[in-house]
Amino acid sequence: MRGSTLVEFALLLPFLFVLTFLVVDLSRAFGFKNLVSQASREGARFAAVTSINAPDSLQTRAARRAQVILGGSYVRCVAAPVTGASDNIQVTVDGRFNWLYPGLIKWIGITGLTNPDTLTATTVMRWER
């Protein structure tokens, strides 16, 4: 009876570690996805309120906003008018996310995971010319 608590704890400890590491990694991924979404929203808002009609200039300005928010994780930013709707601007931002424990996530059955993984966010806003 004296050692049963220690044995039970030793059996439960690996599962607690796995759960803790998964929560940490998934929380980081959700936080990074939020940053990518924020970068696309800010880029779209910035492009929507400017009076420049050239897609290249809009893309450059939106890419600068994404670079400020994401730093070295920034991959690609595309800003262009939405086809068929001349009053809308669409900004897509890609960010590179590095998993801390990719083997652990694959081990629990999540497939299709790459490291680094690319998270994407797209925002469409009305052009305020």
N, C-alpha and C. Protein backbone atom coordinates (compact mmCIF):
# COMPACT_ATOMS: atom_id res chain seq x y z
N MET A 1 0.82 -1.20 0.00
CA MET A 1 0.00 0.00 0.00
C MET A 1 0.86 1.26 0.00
N ARG A 2 2.04 1.19 0.63
CA ARG A 2 2.87 2.41 0.70
C ARG A 2 3.38 2.84 -0.66
N GLY A 3 3.73 1.91 -1.51
CA GLY A 3 4.31 2.25 -2.81
C GLY A 3 3.30 2.36 -3.94
N SER A 4 2.02 2.12 -3.66
CA SER A 4 1.03 2.12 -4.74
C SER A 4 0.85 3.53 -5.34
N THR A 5 0.93 4.56 -4.52
CA THR A 5 0.79 5.93 -5.03
C THR A 5 1.94 6.27 -5.97
N LEU A 6 3.13 5.87 -5.60
CA LEU A 6 4.28 6.13 -6.45
C LEU A 6 4.18 5.38 -7.77
N VAL A 7 3.71 4.15 -7.76
CA VAL A 7 3.55 3.37 -8.98
C VAL A 7 2.48 4.00 -9.87
N GLU A 8 1.35 4.42 -9.28
CA GLU A 8 0.29 5.06 -10.05
C GLU A 8 0.78 6.36 -10.67
N PHE A 9 1.55 7.13 -9.93
CA PHE A 9 2.09 8.38 -10.45
C PHE A 9 3.06 8.11 -11.60
N ALA A 10 3.90 7.08 -11.45
CA ALA A 10 4.86 6.74 -12.50
C ALA A 10 4.15 6.28 -13.77
N LEU A 11 3.00 5.63 -13.64
CA LEU A 11 2.24 5.20 -14.81
C LEU A 11 1.52 6.38 -15.48
N LEU A 12 1.10 7.35 -14.70
CA LEU A 12 0.34 8.48 -15.22
C LEU A 12 1.22 9.61 -15.76
N LEU A 13 2.44 9.72 -15.28
CA LEU A 13 3.32 10.83 -15.63
C LEU A 13 3.58 10.97 -17.14
N PRO A 14 3.85 9.91 -17.89
CA PRO A 14 4.07 10.09 -19.34
C PRO A 14 2.86 10.70 -20.06
N PHE A 15 1.67 10.30 -19.67
CA PHE A 15 0.47 10.86 -20.30
C PHE A 15 0.29 12.34 -19.96
N LEU A 16 0.66 12.72 -18.75
CA LEU A 16 0.59 14.12 -18.37
C LEU A 16 1.60 14.96 -19.16
N PHE A 17 2.79 14.40 -19.38
CA PHE A 17 3.79 15.10 -20.19
C PHE A 17 3.30 15.27 -21.64
N VAL A 18 2.75 14.21 -22.21
CA VAL A 18 2.24 14.28 -23.59
C VAL A 18 1.14 15.34 -23.69
N LEU A 19 0.22 15.34 -22.75
CA LEU A 19 -0.87 16.31 -22.75
C LEU A 19 -0.34 17.74 -22.60
N THR A 20 0.60 17.94 -21.72
CA THR A 20 1.18 19.27 -21.52
C THR A 20 1.89 19.76 -22.77
N PHE A 21 2.71 18.91 -23.40
CA PHE A 21 3.43 19.31 -24.60
C PHE A 21 2.48 19.60 -25.76
N LEU A 22 1.41 18.81 -25.89
CA LEU A 22 0.42 19.05 -26.93
C LEU A 22 -0.29 20.39 -26.73
N VAL A 23 -0.66 20.68 -25.50
CA VAL A 23 -1.34 21.94 -25.20
C VAL A 23 -0.43 23.12 -25.52
N VAL A 24 0.84 23.03 -25.17
CA VAL A 24 1.78 24.11 -25.44
C VAL A 24 1.93 24.31 -26.95
N ASP A 25 2.13 23.24 -27.69
CA ASP A 25 2.34 23.37 -29.13
C ASP A 25 1.10 23.86 -29.86
N LEU A 26 -0.06 23.33 -29.53
CA LEU A 26 -1.29 23.77 -30.18
C LEU A 26 -1.64 25.21 -29.80
N SER A 27 -1.34 25.61 -28.58
CA SER A 27 -1.57 27.00 -28.17
C SER A 27 -0.68 27.95 -28.97
N ARG A 28 0.56 27.56 -29.19
CA ARG A 28 1.45 28.38 -30.02
C ARG A 28 0.93 28.48 -31.44
N ALA A 29 0.41 27.37 -31.98
CA ALA A 29 -0.12 27.38 -33.34
C ALA A 29 -1.34 28.29 -33.45
N PHE A 30 -2.26 28.22 -32.49
CA PHE A 30 -3.43 29.09 -32.51
C PHE A 30 -3.03 30.56 -32.36
N GLY A 31 -2.07 30.84 -31.53
CA GLY A 31 -1.59 32.21 -31.37
C GLY A 31 -0.95 32.73 -32.64
N PHE A 32 -0.17 31.88 -33.33
CA PHE A 32 0.46 32.30 -34.58
C PHE A 32 -0.58 32.50 -35.67
N LYS A 33 -1.59 31.63 -35.71
CA LYS A 33 -2.67 31.80 -36.69
C LYS A 33 -3.38 33.13 -36.45
N ASN A 34 -3.54 33.52 -35.20
CA ASN A 34 -4.13 34.81 -34.87
C ASN A 34 -3.26 35.95 -35.39
N LEU A 35 -1.94 35.84 -35.26
CA LEU A 35 -1.03 36.87 -35.79
C LEU A 35 -1.12 36.96 -37.31
N VAL A 36 -1.21 35.82 -37.99
CA VAL A 36 -1.34 35.82 -39.45
C VAL A 36 -2.65 36.49 -39.86
N SER A 37 -3.73 36.19 -39.14
CA SER A 37 -5.03 36.82 -39.42
C SER A 37 -4.96 38.32 -39.18
N GLN A 38 -4.31 38.72 -38.11
CA GLN A 38 -4.16 40.14 -37.81
C GLN A 38 -3.35 40.83 -38.91
N ALA A 39 -2.31 40.19 -39.40
CA ALA A 39 -1.50 40.78 -40.46
C ALA A 39 -2.32 40.95 -41.74
N SER A 40 -3.15 39.97 -42.06
CA SER A 40 -3.96 40.10 -43.27
C SER A 40 -5.03 41.18 -43.10
N ARG A 41 -5.61 41.28 -41.90
CA ARG A 41 -6.61 42.33 -41.65
C ARG A 41 -5.98 43.72 -41.72
N GLU A 42 -4.83 43.88 -41.11
CA GLU A 42 -4.17 45.19 -41.14
C GLU A 42 -3.71 45.55 -42.54
N GLY A 43 -3.20 44.57 -43.27
CA GLY A 43 -2.79 44.83 -44.65
C GLY A 43 -3.98 45.20 -45.52
N ALA A 44 -5.11 44.51 -45.35
CA ALA A 44 -6.31 44.81 -46.13
C ALA A 44 -6.86 46.18 -45.76
N ARG A 45 -6.86 46.50 -44.49
CA ARG A 45 -7.35 47.81 -44.06
C ARG A 45 -6.45 48.92 -44.60
N PHE A 46 -5.16 48.70 -44.51
CA PHE A 46 -4.21 49.69 -45.00
C PHE A 46 -4.36 49.88 -46.51
N ALA A 47 -4.54 48.78 -47.24
CA ALA A 47 -4.72 48.86 -48.69
C ALA A 47 -6.09 49.46 -49.05
N ALA A 48 -7.10 49.22 -48.21
CA ALA A 48 -8.45 49.70 -48.51
C ALA A 48 -8.58 51.21 -48.35
N VAL A 49 -7.82 51.80 -47.47
CA VAL A 49 -7.96 53.24 -47.23
C VAL A 49 -6.99 54.08 -48.06
N THR A 50 -6.07 53.44 -48.78
CA THR A 50 -5.16 54.21 -49.63
C THR A 50 -5.82 54.48 -50.97
N SER A 51 -5.36 55.49 -51.63
CA SER A 51 -5.95 55.86 -52.92
C SER A 51 -5.17 55.32 -54.10
N ILE A 52 -4.22 54.43 -53.86
CA ILE A 52 -3.41 53.86 -54.93
C ILE A 52 -4.18 52.72 -55.58
N ASN A 53 -4.26 52.74 -56.89
CA ASN A 53 -5.01 51.70 -57.59
C ASN A 53 -4.12 50.59 -58.12
N ALA A 54 -2.81 50.76 -58.11
CA ALA A 54 -1.91 49.74 -58.66
C ALA A 54 -1.78 48.58 -57.69
N PRO A 55 -2.07 47.35 -58.16
CA PRO A 55 -1.96 46.17 -57.27
C PRO A 55 -0.56 45.97 -56.71
N ASP A 56 0.49 46.33 -57.49
CA ASP A 56 1.86 46.15 -56.99
C ASP A 56 2.13 47.03 -55.78
N SER A 57 1.66 48.28 -55.82
CA SER A 57 1.85 49.19 -54.68
C SER A 57 1.07 48.72 -53.47
N LEU A 58 -0.15 48.24 -53.70
CA LEU A 58 -0.96 47.72 -52.60
C LEU A 58 -0.30 46.51 -51.97
N GLN A 59 0.24 45.62 -52.82
CA GLN A 59 0.90 44.43 -52.31
C GLN A 59 2.13 44.79 -51.50
N THR A 60 2.89 45.77 -51.94
CA THR A 60 4.08 46.19 -51.21
C THR A 60 3.71 46.75 -49.85
N ARG A 61 2.67 47.59 -49.81
CA ARG A 61 2.26 48.17 -48.53
C ARG A 61 1.71 47.10 -47.58
N ALA A 62 0.89 46.18 -48.10
CA ALA A 62 0.36 45.11 -47.26
C ALA A 62 1.46 44.18 -46.78
N ALA A 63 2.46 43.93 -47.64
CA ALA A 63 3.58 43.08 -47.25
C ALA A 63 4.41 43.73 -46.14
N ARG A 64 4.56 45.05 -46.18
CA ARG A 64 5.27 45.74 -45.10
C ARG A 64 4.54 45.58 -43.77
N ARG A 65 3.21 45.67 -43.78
CA ARG A 65 2.43 45.49 -42.55
C ARG A 65 2.58 44.06 -42.03
N ALA A 66 2.56 43.09 -42.93
CA ALA A 66 2.74 41.69 -42.51
C ALA A 66 4.12 41.47 -41.95
N GLN A 67 5.13 42.09 -42.54
CA GLN A 67 6.51 41.95 -42.06
C GLN A 67 6.65 42.52 -40.65
N VAL A 68 5.98 43.62 -40.38
CA VAL A 68 6.04 44.23 -39.05
C VAL A 68 5.45 43.29 -38.01
N ILE A 69 4.31 42.67 -38.32
CA ILE A 69 3.62 41.83 -37.34
C ILE A 69 4.29 40.47 -37.19
N LEU A 70 4.67 39.83 -38.30
CA LEU A 70 5.17 38.46 -38.25
C LEU A 70 6.69 38.37 -38.17
N GLY A 71 7.40 39.43 -38.50
CA GLY A 71 8.86 39.41 -38.42
C GLY A 71 9.45 38.38 -39.36
N GLY A 72 10.33 37.53 -38.86
CA GLY A 72 11.00 36.54 -39.69
C GLY A 72 10.13 35.38 -40.12
N SER A 73 8.92 35.28 -39.60
CA SER A 73 8.02 34.19 -39.96
C SER A 73 7.21 34.50 -41.21
N TYR A 74 7.36 35.71 -41.72
CA TYR A 74 6.59 36.14 -42.89
C TYR A 74 7.07 35.40 -44.12
N VAL A 75 6.13 34.88 -44.91
CA VAL A 75 6.49 34.16 -46.12
C VAL A 75 6.03 34.92 -47.37
N ARG A 76 4.74 35.25 -47.44
CA ARG A 76 4.20 35.79 -48.67
C ARG A 76 2.96 36.61 -48.35
N CYS A 77 2.78 37.69 -49.08
CA CYS A 77 1.59 38.52 -48.95
C CYS A 77 1.13 38.90 -50.35
N VAL A 78 -0.13 38.64 -50.65
CA VAL A 78 -0.69 38.97 -51.96
C VAL A 78 -1.86 39.91 -51.74
N ALA A 79 -1.80 41.09 -52.35
CA ALA A 79 -2.90 42.06 -52.27
C ALA A 79 -3.34 42.38 -53.68
N ALA A 80 -4.62 42.21 -53.94
CA ALA A 80 -5.13 42.48 -55.28
C ALA A 80 -6.62 42.77 -55.21
N PRO A 81 -7.13 43.53 -56.17
CA PRO A 81 -8.58 43.72 -56.22
C PRO A 81 -9.27 42.38 -56.49
N VAL A 82 -10.43 42.19 -55.90
CA VAL A 82 -11.19 40.95 -56.10
C VAL A 82 -11.78 40.99 -57.50
N THR A 83 -11.60 39.92 -58.26
CA THR A 83 -12.13 39.88 -59.62
C THR A 83 -13.65 39.82 -59.58
N GLY A 84 -14.28 40.61 -60.41
CA GLY A 84 -15.73 40.64 -60.48
C GLY A 84 -16.36 41.62 -59.50
N ALA A 85 -15.63 42.06 -58.51
CA ALA A 85 -16.15 43.03 -57.54
C ALA A 85 -15.12 44.15 -57.42
N SER A 86 -15.32 45.23 -58.17
CA SER A 86 -14.30 46.27 -58.24
C SER A 86 -14.17 47.07 -56.95
N ASP A 87 -15.10 46.92 -56.02
CA ASP A 87 -15.04 47.69 -54.78
C ASP A 87 -14.35 46.94 -53.64
N ASN A 88 -13.81 45.77 -53.90
CA ASN A 88 -13.20 44.97 -52.84
C ASN A 88 -11.72 44.75 -53.08
N ILE A 89 -10.98 44.68 -51.98
CA ILE A 89 -9.56 44.34 -52.02
C ILE A 89 -9.35 43.09 -51.17
N GLN A 90 -8.55 42.17 -51.66
CA GLN A 90 -8.29 40.91 -50.95
C GLN A 90 -6.81 40.83 -50.63
N VAL A 91 -6.50 40.51 -49.38
CA VAL A 91 -5.11 40.35 -48.94
C VAL A 91 -4.96 38.96 -48.34
N THR A 92 -3.99 38.21 -48.84
CA THR A 92 -3.67 36.87 -48.33
C THR A 92 -2.26 36.91 -47.77
N VAL A 93 -2.11 36.45 -46.54
CA VAL A 93 -0.80 36.43 -45.87
C VAL A 93 -0.49 35.00 -45.48
N ASP A 94 0.73 34.57 -45.79
CA ASP A 94 1.23 33.26 -45.37
C ASP A 94 2.33 33.47 -44.34
N GLY A 95 2.31 32.65 -43.31
CA GLY A 95 3.35 32.70 -42.29
C GLY A 95 3.92 31.31 -42.04
N ARG A 96 5.18 31.25 -41.72
CA ARG A 96 5.86 29.98 -41.48
C ARG A 96 5.89 29.70 -39.98
N PHE A 97 5.27 28.59 -39.58
CA PHE A 97 5.20 28.21 -38.18
C PHE A 97 6.02 26.95 -37.94
N ASN A 98 6.88 26.98 -36.94
CA ASN A 98 7.70 25.82 -36.57
C ASN A 98 7.10 25.13 -35.35
N TRP A 99 6.77 23.86 -35.51
CA TRP A 99 6.27 23.07 -34.39
C TRP A 99 7.43 22.71 -33.47
N LEU A 100 7.17 22.70 -32.18
CA LEU A 100 8.19 22.28 -31.22
C LEU A 100 8.31 20.76 -31.15
N TYR A 101 7.17 20.08 -31.23
CA TYR A 101 7.13 18.62 -31.07
C TYR A 101 6.37 17.98 -32.23
N PRO A 102 6.89 18.04 -33.46
CA PRO A 102 6.14 17.48 -34.59
C PRO A 102 5.98 15.96 -34.50
N GLY A 103 6.97 15.28 -33.95
CA GLY A 103 6.87 13.84 -33.80
C GLY A 103 5.76 13.43 -32.85
N LEU A 104 5.57 14.21 -31.82
CA LEU A 104 4.52 13.92 -30.84
C LEU A 104 3.14 14.11 -31.46
N ILE A 105 3.00 15.14 -32.28
CA ILE A 105 1.70 15.40 -32.91
C ILE A 105 1.40 14.31 -33.94
N LYS A 106 2.40 13.86 -34.68
CA LYS A 106 2.19 12.76 -35.62
C LYS A 106 1.90 11.46 -34.88
N TRP A 107 2.49 11.31 -33.71
CA TRP A 107 2.31 10.10 -32.93
C TRP A 107 0.86 9.91 -32.47
N ILE A 108 0.16 11.03 -32.19
CA ILE A 108 -1.23 10.89 -31.74
C ILE A 108 -2.21 10.75 -32.91
N GLY A 109 -1.70 10.82 -34.16
CA GLY A 109 -2.55 10.52 -35.31
C GLY A 109 -2.88 11.68 -36.21
N ILE A 110 -2.32 12.86 -35.99
CA ILE A 110 -2.56 13.99 -36.88
C ILE A 110 -1.60 13.86 -38.05
N THR A 111 -2.14 13.67 -39.25
CA THR A 111 -1.30 13.47 -40.43
C THR A 111 -1.24 14.76 -41.25
N GLY A 112 -0.35 14.79 -42.20
CA GLY A 112 -0.22 15.94 -43.07
C GLY A 112 0.54 17.10 -42.45
N LEU A 113 1.24 16.84 -41.38
CA LEU A 113 1.98 17.89 -40.68
C LEU A 113 3.38 18.01 -41.27
N THR A 114 3.77 19.24 -41.59
CA THR A 114 5.13 19.49 -42.05
C THR A 114 5.77 20.47 -41.08
N ASN A 115 7.07 20.46 -41.05
CA ASN A 115 7.77 21.40 -40.18
C ASN A 115 8.88 22.06 -40.98
N PRO A 116 8.82 23.34 -41.27
CA PRO A 116 7.82 24.31 -40.83
C PRO A 116 6.53 24.18 -41.63
N ASP A 117 5.44 24.57 -41.01
CA ASP A 117 4.12 24.51 -41.60
C ASP A 117 3.72 25.92 -42.02
N THR A 118 2.98 26.05 -43.10
CA THR A 118 2.55 27.36 -43.57
C THR A 118 1.09 27.58 -43.18
N LEU A 119 0.84 28.64 -42.42
CA LEU A 119 -0.51 29.02 -42.02
C LEU A 119 -0.92 30.23 -42.85
N THR A 120 -2.15 30.21 -43.37
CA THR A 120 -2.62 31.23 -44.30
C THR A 120 -3.87 31.90 -43.77
N ALA A 121 -3.98 33.20 -44.02
CA ALA A 121 -5.19 33.96 -43.68
C ALA A 121 -5.52 34.89 -44.85
N THR A 122 -6.80 35.00 -45.16
CA THR A 122 -7.26 35.86 -46.24
C THR A 122 -8.31 36.82 -45.71
N THR A 123 -8.21 38.09 -46.08
CA THR A 123 -9.17 39.11 -45.67
C THR A 123 -9.63 39.87 -46.90
N VAL A 124 -10.95 40.08 -46.98
CA VAL A 124 -11.53 40.87 -48.06
C VAL A 124 -12.19 42.09 -47.43
N MET A 125 -11.85 43.28 -47.92
CA MET A 125 -12.45 44.52 -47.43
C MET A 125 -12.89 45.38 -48.60
N ARG A 126 -13.84 46.27 -48.33
CA ARG A 126 -14.33 47.19 -49.34
C ARG A 126 -13.31 48.30 -49.53
N TRP A 127 -13.05 48.63 -50.78
CA TRP A 127 -12.10 49.69 -51.11
C TRP A 127 -12.75 51.04 -50.83
N GLU A 128 -12.14 51.86 -50.04
CA GLU A 128 -12.68 53.17 -49.67
C GLU A 128 -11.94 54.25 -50.45
N ARG A 129 -12.20 54.31 -51.74
CA ARG A 129 -11.51 55.29 -52.58
C ARG A 129 -12.20 56.62 -52.54
